[in-house]
Every structure is written in C-alpha cells, then in structure tokens.
Protein backbone atom coordinates (compact mmCIF):
# COMPACT_ATOMS: atom_id res chain seq x y z
CA MET A 1 154.77 -213.08 53.48
CA ARG A 2 151.56 -213.78 51.58
CA ILE A 3 150.28 -217.23 52.50
CA VAL A 4 147.21 -219.34 51.77
CA LEU A 5 146.39 -221.96 54.40
CA VAL A 6 144.60 -225.11 53.22
CA GLY A 7 143.62 -228.43 54.76
CA PRO A 8 140.55 -230.55 55.47
CA PRO A 9 138.03 -229.71 58.19
CA GLY A 10 139.48 -230.70 61.55
CA ALA A 11 143.07 -230.06 60.46
CA GLY A 12 143.43 -227.21 62.97
CA LYS A 13 143.61 -224.39 60.40
CA GLY A 14 141.97 -221.83 62.68
CA THR A 15 144.36 -222.52 65.55
CA GLN A 16 147.46 -222.55 63.36
CA ALA A 17 146.35 -219.46 61.42
CA VAL A 18 146.20 -217.39 64.61
CA ARG A 19 149.59 -218.66 65.81
CA LEU A 20 151.33 -218.23 62.45
CA SER A 21 149.95 -214.74 61.89
CA GLU A 22 151.32 -213.71 65.30
CA GLU A 23 154.72 -215.28 64.65
CA LEU A 24 155.00 -213.82 61.14
CA ARG A 25 153.37 -210.50 62.12
CA ILE A 26 150.86 -210.56 59.31
CA PRO A 27 147.05 -210.31 59.57
CA HIS A 28 144.97 -213.48 59.67
CA ILE A 29 142.21 -213.08 57.10
CA SER A 30 139.48 -215.64 57.74
CA THR A 31 136.46 -216.04 55.45
CA GLY A 32 134.23 -216.53 58.49
CA ASP A 33 135.49 -213.31 60.08
CA LEU A 34 135.02 -211.43 56.79
CA PHE A 35 131.39 -212.52 56.56
CA ARG A 36 130.65 -211.72 60.20
CA ALA A 37 132.32 -208.30 59.99
CA ASN A 38 130.58 -207.27 56.78
CA ILE A 39 127.18 -208.47 57.99
CA SER A 40 127.49 -206.85 61.44
CA GLN A 41 128.71 -203.56 59.91
CA GLN A 42 125.90 -203.76 57.33
CA THR A 43 128.21 -203.05 54.41
CA GLU A 44 126.76 -203.40 50.92
CA LEU A 45 128.63 -206.70 50.52
CA GLY A 46 127.39 -207.83 53.94
CA LYS A 47 123.78 -207.08 53.04
CA LEU A 48 124.20 -208.93 49.76
CA ALA A 49 125.77 -211.96 51.46
CA LYS A 50 123.03 -212.00 54.11
CA SER A 51 120.31 -211.98 51.46
CA TYR A 52 121.71 -215.20 49.99
CA MET A 53 122.25 -216.79 53.40
CA ASP A 54 118.74 -215.90 54.61
CA ALA A 55 117.34 -217.56 51.49
CA GLY A 56 119.32 -220.70 52.29
CA ASN A 57 121.62 -220.24 49.30
CA LEU A 58 125.41 -220.30 48.99
CA VAL A 59 127.05 -216.89 48.76
CA PRO A 60 128.38 -216.50 45.18
CA ASP A 61 132.13 -216.51 44.61
CA GLU A 62 132.12 -212.91 43.40
CA VAL A 63 130.79 -211.66 46.75
CA THR A 64 133.40 -213.63 48.72
CA ILE A 65 136.14 -212.43 46.36
CA ALA A 66 135.04 -208.81 46.73
CA MET A 67 135.13 -209.09 50.55
CA ALA A 68 138.61 -210.62 50.44
CA LYS A 69 139.81 -207.91 48.04
CA ASP A 70 138.59 -205.13 50.36
CA ARG A 71 140.34 -206.74 53.34
CA MET A 72 143.63 -207.35 51.52
CA GLU A 73 143.71 -203.69 50.47
CA GLN A 74 143.71 -202.48 54.08
CA GLN A 75 146.91 -200.94 55.39
CA ASP A 76 147.84 -203.72 57.79
CA ALA A 77 147.95 -206.20 54.89
CA GLU A 78 150.37 -204.19 52.75
CA ASP A 79 153.35 -206.35 53.70
CA GLY A 80 151.56 -209.68 53.79
CA PHE A 81 148.64 -211.73 55.05
CA LEU A 82 147.53 -215.26 55.86
CA LEU A 83 144.35 -216.36 54.08
CA ASP A 84 142.22 -218.96 55.88
CA GLY A 85 139.15 -220.31 54.07
CA PHE A 86 139.86 -218.40 50.86
CA PRO A 87 140.30 -219.42 48.12
CA ARG A 88 137.87 -222.31 48.56
CA ASN A 89 137.88 -223.52 44.95
CA VAL A 90 139.90 -223.15 41.75
CA SER A 91 137.74 -220.28 40.45
CA GLN A 92 138.49 -218.31 43.62
CA ALA A 93 142.19 -219.19 43.32
CA GLU A 94 142.25 -217.84 39.77
CA ALA A 95 140.49 -214.67 40.93
CA LEU A 96 143.03 -214.27 43.75
CA ASP A 97 145.91 -214.58 41.26
CA GLU A 98 144.31 -211.84 39.18
CA LEU A 99 143.84 -209.57 42.20
CA LEU A 100 147.46 -210.00 43.25
CA GLU A 101 148.74 -209.54 39.72
CA ASN A 102 146.89 -206.21 39.54
CA GLU A 103 148.78 -205.15 42.67
CA SER A 104 152.08 -206.47 41.23
CA VAL A 105 152.53 -208.93 44.12
CA THR A 106 152.46 -212.72 44.34
CA LEU A 107 151.79 -215.44 46.86
CA ASP A 108 154.84 -216.73 48.73
CA ALA A 109 153.45 -220.10 49.78
CA VAL A 110 150.39 -222.31 50.09
CA LEU A 111 150.67 -224.19 53.38
CA ASP A 112 148.88 -227.54 53.18
CA LEU A 113 148.02 -229.10 56.56
CA GLU A 114 147.88 -232.84 55.95
CA VAL A 115 145.73 -235.06 58.21
CA PRO A 116 144.51 -238.63 57.56
CA GLU A 117 140.74 -238.82 57.01
CA ASP A 118 140.17 -241.18 59.96
CA GLU A 119 141.91 -238.70 62.25
CA VAL A 120 139.69 -235.87 60.99
CA VAL A 121 136.58 -237.92 61.79
CA LYS A 122 137.99 -238.81 65.22
CA ARG A 123 138.80 -235.17 66.01
CA ILE A 124 135.44 -233.72 65.04
CA ALA A 125 133.06 -236.57 65.92
CA GLY A 126 134.63 -236.77 69.38
CA ARG A 127 133.67 -233.21 70.31
CA ARG A 128 131.09 -232.70 73.03
CA THR A 129 129.56 -229.26 73.66
CA CYS A 130 127.88 -227.90 76.79
CA ARG A 131 124.17 -227.14 76.28
CA ASN A 132 124.43 -224.05 78.49
CA LYS A 133 125.25 -220.60 77.08
CA SER A 134 128.94 -221.05 77.83
CA GLU A 135 129.11 -223.78 75.15
CA HIS A 136 132.39 -225.14 76.54
CA VAL A 137 133.81 -227.84 74.30
CA PHE A 138 135.38 -231.13 75.41
CA HIS A 139 136.63 -234.16 73.51
CA VAL A 140 136.00 -237.78 74.43
CA THR A 141 139.66 -238.66 73.73
CA TYR A 142 141.82 -235.52 73.83
CA SER A 143 140.14 -233.45 76.57
CA PRO A 144 137.46 -235.55 78.27
CA PRO A 145 135.34 -234.09 81.09
CA LYS A 146 135.98 -235.36 84.61
CA LYS A 147 132.50 -236.88 84.61
CA GLU A 148 131.15 -238.33 81.38
CA GLY A 149 128.43 -236.17 79.84
CA VAL A 150 128.86 -233.32 82.35
CA CYS A 151 130.59 -229.96 81.77
CA ASP A 152 133.52 -229.42 84.17
CA VAL A 153 132.91 -225.66 84.21
CA CYS A 154 129.18 -225.26 84.86
CA GLY A 155 127.78 -228.78 85.28
CA GLY A 156 125.70 -228.52 82.12
CA GLU A 157 124.86 -231.46 79.90
CA LEU A 158 127.37 -232.29 77.18
CA TYR A 159 126.05 -233.34 73.78
CA GLN A 160 127.24 -233.97 70.23
CA ARG A 161 126.17 -231.22 67.84
CA ASP A 162 124.63 -232.33 64.55
CA ASP A 163 127.56 -230.64 62.75
CA ASP A 164 129.93 -232.93 64.64
CA SER A 165 128.26 -236.25 63.82
CA GLU A 166 130.32 -238.72 61.81
CA GLY A 167 127.89 -238.60 58.88
CA THR A 168 128.09 -234.81 58.67
CA VAL A 169 131.88 -234.85 58.98
CA ARG A 170 132.20 -237.32 56.10
CA LYS A 171 129.91 -235.14 53.95
CA ARG A 172 132.09 -232.11 54.74
CA LEU A 173 135.14 -234.14 53.72
CA GLU A 174 133.46 -235.04 50.41
CA VAL A 175 132.87 -231.33 49.74
CA TYR A 176 136.50 -230.59 50.61
CA HIS A 177 137.79 -233.31 48.27
CA THR A 178 135.64 -232.19 45.33
CA GLN A 179 135.75 -228.39 45.74
CA THR A 180 138.78 -227.29 47.74
CA GLU A 181 141.43 -230.01 47.36
CA PRO A 182 141.86 -229.28 43.62
CA ILE A 183 143.43 -225.91 44.50
CA ILE A 184 146.42 -227.84 45.89
CA ASP A 185 147.20 -229.20 42.41
CA TYR A 186 146.52 -225.74 40.97
CA TYR A 187 149.14 -224.20 43.26
CA LYS A 188 151.54 -227.14 42.91
CA ALA A 189 151.78 -226.25 39.22
CA GLN A 190 153.05 -222.85 40.39
CA GLY A 191 155.56 -224.39 42.79
CA LEU A 192 153.89 -222.81 45.83
CA VAL A 193 152.69 -225.75 47.93
CA VAL A 194 154.42 -226.56 51.22
CA THR A 195 152.91 -229.68 52.85
CA ILE A 196 153.35 -230.53 56.52
CA SER A 197 151.83 -233.11 58.84
CA ALA A 198 149.20 -231.61 61.14
CA LEU A 199 149.48 -234.49 63.62
CA GLY A 200 150.94 -233.95 67.07
CA PRO A 201 150.91 -231.21 69.74
CA VAL A 202 149.77 -227.75 68.60
CA ASP A 203 153.14 -226.12 69.41
CA GLU A 204 154.98 -228.78 67.44
CA ILE A 205 152.78 -228.24 64.37
CA THR A 206 153.35 -224.48 64.53
CA HIS A 207 157.12 -224.99 64.74
CA ARG A 208 156.96 -227.48 61.85
CA ALA A 209 155.03 -224.97 59.73
CA LEU A 210 157.39 -222.07 60.45
CA GLU A 211 160.45 -224.18 59.63
CA ALA A 212 158.87 -225.42 56.39
CA LEU A 213 157.97 -221.87 55.34
CA LYS A 214 161.48 -220.69 56.19
CA ARG A 215 163.05 -223.46 54.10
CA ASP A 216 160.69 -222.73 51.23
CA GLU A 217 161.46 -219.01 51.32
CA GLY A 218 165.19 -219.71 51.42
CA ALA A 219 164.94 -222.02 48.42
CA LYS A 220 163.40 -219.31 46.22
C-alpha cells in the first residue's frame, strides 16, 4: 500500500506511522528522518537543505520533494510506503501526484488522524522534559512523575520546553490549518481520505486505522 499520513501536531502520527509500517510491512518515510539522513550523509540535497536551515530559512519545497523522490525510488519502497510529514502543503501534494504518475502508480489512501484542538494543546503543553542528557519525557496528566518536577529515572529537573508551551502549540496549529489541512480537501476530491479518531489507547488507534484501511481497500 502507498499511504499518506496526516493530522495536526500532537495527533500521534510518529507513533502510529511506526506501528502501521510494521503491520503493513512497508517503509515509514518521515520528512524529519529524510532531512537528518541527507544532512548527516552530506548528500548534495543535504548540503543544500542545511544551507537554508543555517540561514534561518525554510527549506524550499523542491528540495523536500527531491529528497522524498530519492527515498521512494529505493528498493524497499517498490511495493509501498507510508509518508509522514510529506506532503505538507497542496503544492507538495501535486508534486507527489506527478512523481507517482511518472512511475505509473497511485496512492491507495490518505489516513487522516482526527483530534480535537483542545486535546492537542493538552497533549503537547502537558509534556515535561528532563534537563539532563537523558531528556526523558513525562506528562502531567498521562504519565506524571512520581514526584512533581523530578525525573523518575535520574532525578533531574523536569521543565516545559518552549516548543511545548501553549502559545507555541497554538501557533503550530495555525500553521497546520493554513498550510497542511488543505491537502485533506485536495485528496478528498480524489476519494482517498480515510478519517479516524486518534483518541484512546495507542493500540486501539492502530487497530482502528488498520480496519479503516482494510475497509477502504476492499471498497475499491
């Protein structure tokens, strides 16, 4: 299967992507992993991406698209893949369609993880990270430390990262709504979107996603 995974920050895309790729036996292709791999291996695309990042600029779509193209052309992705973090906007979605069309293949589904905005804020703003190198992560509601403000593992101080503050989370949600969410309508017009609730235990969400994908595949 060829799947695009979408959803707001805090929807659990990373966790579900790993689980689904294992269950479906297809590679998990994450934008973050692509950038890290290309930069660490000092590929031409990695050097180009790093030059933009070092200057404090966004990496242009064409660089991201080229990295994704290279990865999708690797042998392990011949029979399918799960894209996480790409496409991030409609322009990238159009470019992906063109890439796949050139290979005479199509997407099978766009899995939309749906989470209420208040829950997203609660999930992310509740994170507390250990200041020590271990950087163990706790959550004030879902996985609180035994002693408030103290890491269970090493006794380090727990703090809220700037990225996890409510203000930052709401800004990230604004970016998602304006840039990424429109791809859902784009793919709905192609009859590809499968929406599931991303609330509940992790195992339950994975099962829900697999069943929804199975039903969708059977309906085609």
